[in-house]
Amino acid sequence: MEKEHNKTGDTNKKETKEPLNKVLRLTGITAQMGVTIYLFVLLGKWLDATYNNNEKGFIIVTTLVGVAVSLYLVIKQTNKLNQ
């Protein structure tokens, strides 16, 4: 990336903001992953309590689906970040 100089000779601040921007995006991605998995766990608990006589079948399935969905979203967002 080329450095741009202003009238005082300082380099452009854009160069130092890019790594910080990527770190903030990665932090957001991890929070999104945790929230997604948590919501699927809550869905599984509700389904088990409502339809499965408090057995743990739905919570296992929905947790695995939540992990798969969150991994898909993480891979999609990191690929977009690296472009």
N, C-alpha and C. Protein backbone atom coordinates (compact mmCIF):
# COMPACT_ATOMS: atom_id res chain seq x y z
N MET A 1 0.85 -1.17 0.00
CA MET A 1 0.00 0.00 0.00
C MET A 1 0.89 1.23 0.00
N GLU A 2 0.60 2.17 -0.83
CA GLU A 2 1.40 3.38 -0.92
C GLU A 2 1.04 4.31 0.23
N LYS A 3 2.06 4.96 0.72
CA LYS A 3 1.83 5.95 1.77
C LYS A 3 1.55 7.29 1.12
N GLU A 4 0.55 7.94 1.64
CA GLU A 4 0.23 9.28 1.18
C GLU A 4 0.71 10.28 2.22
N HIS A 5 1.33 11.34 1.77
CA HIS A 5 1.82 12.36 2.69
C HIS A 5 0.93 13.59 2.58
N ASN A 6 0.65 14.17 3.72
CA ASN A 6 -0.08 15.43 3.70
C ASN A 6 0.93 16.57 3.75
N LYS A 7 0.47 17.79 3.93
CA LYS A 7 1.34 18.97 3.87
C LYS A 7 2.43 18.95 4.93
N THR A 8 2.18 18.32 6.07
CA THR A 8 3.18 18.31 7.13
C THR A 8 4.13 17.12 7.02
N GLY A 9 3.90 16.23 6.07
CA GLY A 9 4.79 15.09 5.88
C GLY A 9 4.38 13.85 6.65
N ASP A 10 3.25 13.86 7.35
CA ASP A 10 2.77 12.70 8.09
C ASP A 10 2.18 11.68 7.13
N THR A 11 2.34 10.41 7.46
CA THR A 11 1.74 9.36 6.64
C THR A 11 0.25 9.31 6.91
N ASN A 12 -0.46 8.73 5.99
CA ASN A 12 -1.91 8.65 6.09
C ASN A 12 -2.31 7.71 7.23
N LYS A 13 -3.33 8.06 7.96
CA LYS A 13 -3.82 7.25 9.10
C LYS A 13 -4.52 5.99 8.63
N LYS A 14 -4.90 5.91 7.35
CA LYS A 14 -5.64 4.75 6.84
C LYS A 14 -4.82 3.48 7.00
N GLU A 15 -3.50 3.59 6.86
CA GLU A 15 -2.64 2.43 6.96
C GLU A 15 -2.67 1.80 8.35
N THR A 16 -2.76 2.61 9.39
CA THR A 16 -2.79 2.09 10.75
C THR A 16 -4.18 1.64 11.16
N LYS A 17 -5.22 2.10 10.48
CA LYS A 17 -6.58 1.71 10.83
C LYS A 17 -6.95 0.34 10.26
N GLU A 18 -6.30 -0.09 9.17
CA GLU A 18 -6.67 -1.38 8.57
C GLU A 18 -6.50 -2.56 9.51
N PRO A 19 -5.34 -2.75 10.18
CA PRO A 19 -5.23 -3.89 11.11
C PRO A 19 -6.23 -3.80 12.26
N LEU A 20 -6.46 -2.61 12.76
CA LEU A 20 -7.44 -2.44 13.84
C LEU A 20 -8.83 -2.80 13.36
N ASN A 21 -9.16 -2.41 12.14
CA ASN A 21 -10.46 -2.74 11.56
C ASN A 21 -10.64 -4.26 11.46
N LYS A 22 -9.59 -4.96 11.04
CA LYS A 22 -9.68 -6.42 10.93
C LYS A 22 -9.84 -7.07 12.30
N VAL A 23 -9.15 -6.55 13.29
CA VAL A 23 -9.27 -7.09 14.65
C VAL A 23 -10.69 -6.89 15.17
N LEU A 24 -11.26 -5.73 14.94
CA LEU A 24 -12.63 -5.48 15.39
C LEU A 24 -13.62 -6.39 14.68
N ARG A 25 -13.40 -6.62 13.39
CA ARG A 25 -14.30 -7.54 12.67
C ARG A 25 -14.18 -8.95 13.20
N LEU A 26 -12.97 -9.41 13.50
CA LEU A 26 -12.79 -10.76 14.04
C LEU A 26 -13.42 -10.89 15.43
N THR A 27 -13.35 -9.85 16.21
CA THR A 27 -13.99 -9.86 17.52
C THR A 27 -15.50 -9.97 17.36
N GLY A 28 -16.05 -9.24 16.41
CA GLY A 28 -17.48 -9.33 16.13
C GLY A 28 -17.89 -10.70 15.64
N ILE A 29 -17.02 -11.33 14.85
CA ILE A 29 -17.31 -12.67 14.34
C ILE A 29 -17.39 -13.68 15.49
N THR A 30 -16.48 -13.57 16.46
CA THR A 30 -16.52 -14.52 17.58
C THR A 30 -17.76 -14.31 18.45
N ALA A 31 -18.14 -13.05 18.63
CA ALA A 31 -19.37 -12.78 19.39
C ALA A 31 -20.58 -13.33 18.66
N GLN A 32 -20.61 -13.17 17.35
CA GLN A 32 -21.71 -13.69 16.55
C GLN A 32 -21.78 -15.21 16.63
N MET A 33 -20.62 -15.86 16.62
CA MET A 33 -20.58 -17.32 16.73
C MET A 33 -21.17 -17.78 18.07
N GLY A 34 -20.77 -17.13 19.15
CA GLY A 34 -21.29 -17.50 20.47
C GLY A 34 -22.79 -17.28 20.59
N VAL A 35 -23.27 -16.15 20.09
CA VAL A 35 -24.70 -15.85 20.16
C VAL A 35 -25.50 -16.85 19.32
N THR A 36 -25.00 -17.18 18.13
CA THR A 36 -25.70 -18.13 17.26
C THR A 36 -25.85 -19.49 17.94
N ILE A 37 -24.75 -20.00 18.50
CA ILE A 37 -24.80 -21.30 19.17
C ILE A 37 -25.73 -21.25 20.38
N TYR A 38 -25.66 -20.17 21.15
CA TYR A 38 -26.51 -20.02 22.33
C TYR A 38 -28.00 -20.02 21.96
N LEU A 39 -28.34 -19.33 20.88
CA LEU A 39 -29.74 -19.29 20.45
C LEU A 39 -30.23 -20.67 20.00
N PHE A 40 -29.37 -21.42 19.33
CA PHE A 40 -29.76 -22.77 18.93
C PHE A 40 -29.91 -23.68 20.14
N VAL A 41 -29.09 -23.49 21.17
CA VAL A 41 -29.23 -24.27 22.41
C VAL A 41 -30.57 -23.94 23.08
N LEU A 42 -30.91 -22.66 23.13
CA LEU A 42 -32.21 -22.28 23.71
C LEU A 42 -33.37 -22.88 22.92
N LEU A 43 -33.25 -22.89 21.60
CA LEU A 43 -34.29 -23.50 20.78
C LEU A 43 -34.41 -24.99 21.10
N GLY A 44 -33.28 -25.66 21.24
CA GLY A 44 -33.30 -27.09 21.58
C GLY A 44 -33.92 -27.36 22.93
N LYS A 45 -33.61 -26.52 23.92
CA LYS A 45 -34.22 -26.67 25.24
C LYS A 45 -35.72 -26.50 25.18
N TRP A 46 -36.17 -25.49 24.44
CA TRP A 46 -37.60 -25.26 24.31
C TRP A 46 -38.29 -26.42 23.60
N LEU A 47 -37.68 -26.91 22.51
CA LEU A 47 -38.26 -28.05 21.79
C LEU A 47 -38.32 -29.29 22.66
N ASP A 48 -37.27 -29.55 23.44
CA ASP A 48 -37.27 -30.70 24.34
C ASP A 48 -38.35 -30.58 25.40
N ALA A 49 -38.50 -29.40 25.97
CA ALA A 49 -39.50 -29.21 27.01
C ALA A 49 -40.91 -29.30 26.46
N THR A 50 -41.11 -28.85 25.23
CA THR A 50 -42.45 -28.80 24.66
C THR A 50 -42.86 -30.12 24.02
N TYR A 51 -41.97 -30.75 23.29
CA TYR A 51 -42.36 -31.90 22.47
C TYR A 51 -41.70 -33.22 22.85
N ASN A 52 -40.72 -33.23 23.72
CA ASN A 52 -39.94 -34.44 23.91
C ASN A 52 -39.88 -34.89 25.37
N ASN A 53 -40.81 -34.49 26.19
CA ASN A 53 -40.86 -34.91 27.60
C ASN A 53 -39.53 -34.72 28.33
N ASN A 54 -38.88 -33.59 28.10
CA ASN A 54 -37.63 -33.22 28.76
C ASN A 54 -36.47 -34.18 28.50
N GLU A 55 -36.52 -34.95 27.43
CA GLU A 55 -35.34 -35.72 27.03
C GLU A 55 -34.43 -34.78 26.26
N LYS A 56 -33.22 -35.21 25.95
CA LYS A 56 -32.24 -34.30 25.39
C LYS A 56 -31.96 -34.51 23.90
N GLY A 57 -32.91 -35.00 23.15
CA GLY A 57 -32.71 -35.25 21.72
C GLY A 57 -32.62 -33.98 20.89
N PHE A 58 -33.56 -33.06 21.11
CA PHE A 58 -33.59 -31.83 20.32
C PHE A 58 -32.41 -30.91 20.64
N ILE A 59 -32.02 -30.87 21.91
CA ILE A 59 -30.92 -29.97 22.27
C ILE A 59 -29.61 -30.41 21.62
N ILE A 60 -29.39 -31.69 21.50
CA ILE A 60 -28.17 -32.19 20.85
C ILE A 60 -28.18 -31.83 19.37
N VAL A 61 -29.31 -32.08 18.73
CA VAL A 61 -29.40 -31.81 17.28
C VAL A 61 -29.30 -30.31 17.00
N THR A 62 -30.03 -29.51 17.75
CA THR A 62 -30.01 -28.07 17.47
C THR A 62 -28.65 -27.44 17.82
N THR A 63 -27.97 -27.96 18.83
CA THR A 63 -26.64 -27.45 19.14
C THR A 63 -25.67 -27.75 18.00
N LEU A 64 -25.73 -28.95 17.46
CA LEU A 64 -24.85 -29.31 16.33
C LEU A 64 -25.19 -28.48 15.10
N VAL A 65 -26.46 -28.23 14.87
CA VAL A 65 -26.85 -27.37 13.75
C VAL A 65 -26.36 -25.94 13.99
N GLY A 66 -26.45 -25.47 15.21
CA GLY A 66 -25.96 -24.13 15.55
C GLY A 66 -24.46 -24.00 15.34
N VAL A 67 -23.70 -25.02 15.70
CA VAL A 67 -22.26 -25.01 15.47
C VAL A 67 -21.96 -25.00 13.97
N ALA A 68 -22.69 -25.80 13.20
CA ALA A 68 -22.48 -25.84 11.75
C ALA A 68 -22.82 -24.50 11.12
N VAL A 69 -23.92 -23.90 11.52
CA VAL A 69 -24.32 -22.60 10.96
C VAL A 69 -23.29 -21.53 11.33
N SER A 70 -22.84 -21.53 12.57
CA SER A 70 -21.88 -20.51 12.99
C SER A 70 -20.53 -20.70 12.29
N LEU A 71 -20.10 -21.94 12.09
CA LEU A 71 -18.86 -22.17 11.34
C LEU A 71 -18.98 -21.71 9.90
N TYR A 72 -20.12 -21.97 9.29
CA TYR A 72 -20.35 -21.50 7.92
C TYR A 72 -20.26 -19.97 7.85
N LEU A 73 -20.89 -19.30 8.81
CA LEU A 73 -20.85 -17.83 8.82
C LEU A 73 -19.44 -17.30 9.06
N VAL A 74 -18.68 -17.96 9.94
CA VAL A 74 -17.30 -17.54 10.22
C VAL A 74 -16.44 -17.69 8.97
N ILE A 75 -16.55 -18.83 8.30
CA ILE A 75 -15.76 -19.06 7.09
C ILE A 75 -16.13 -18.06 6.01
N LYS A 76 -17.41 -17.81 5.85
CA LYS A 76 -17.87 -16.85 4.84
C LYS A 76 -17.34 -15.44 5.14
N GLN A 77 -17.39 -15.03 6.40
CA GLN A 77 -16.94 -13.68 6.75
C GLN A 77 -15.43 -13.54 6.70
N THR A 78 -14.68 -14.57 7.08
CA THR A 78 -13.23 -14.47 7.00
C THR A 78 -12.74 -14.48 5.56
N ASN A 79 -13.41 -15.22 4.70
CA ASN A 79 -13.06 -15.17 3.28
C ASN A 79 -13.32 -13.78 2.72
N LYS A 80 -14.42 -13.17 3.13
CA LYS A 80 -14.74 -11.80 2.68
C LYS A 80 -13.72 -10.80 3.24
N LEU A 81 -13.26 -11.04 4.45
CA LEU A 81 -12.28 -10.16 5.09
C LEU A 81 -10.93 -10.20 4.38
N ASN A 82 -10.56 -11.37 3.87
CA ASN A 82 -9.25 -11.54 3.23
C ASN A 82 -9.23 -11.07 1.79
N GLN A 83 -10.36 -10.73 1.22
CA GLN A 83 -10.38 -10.28 -0.18
C GLN A 83 -9.96 -8.86 -0.31
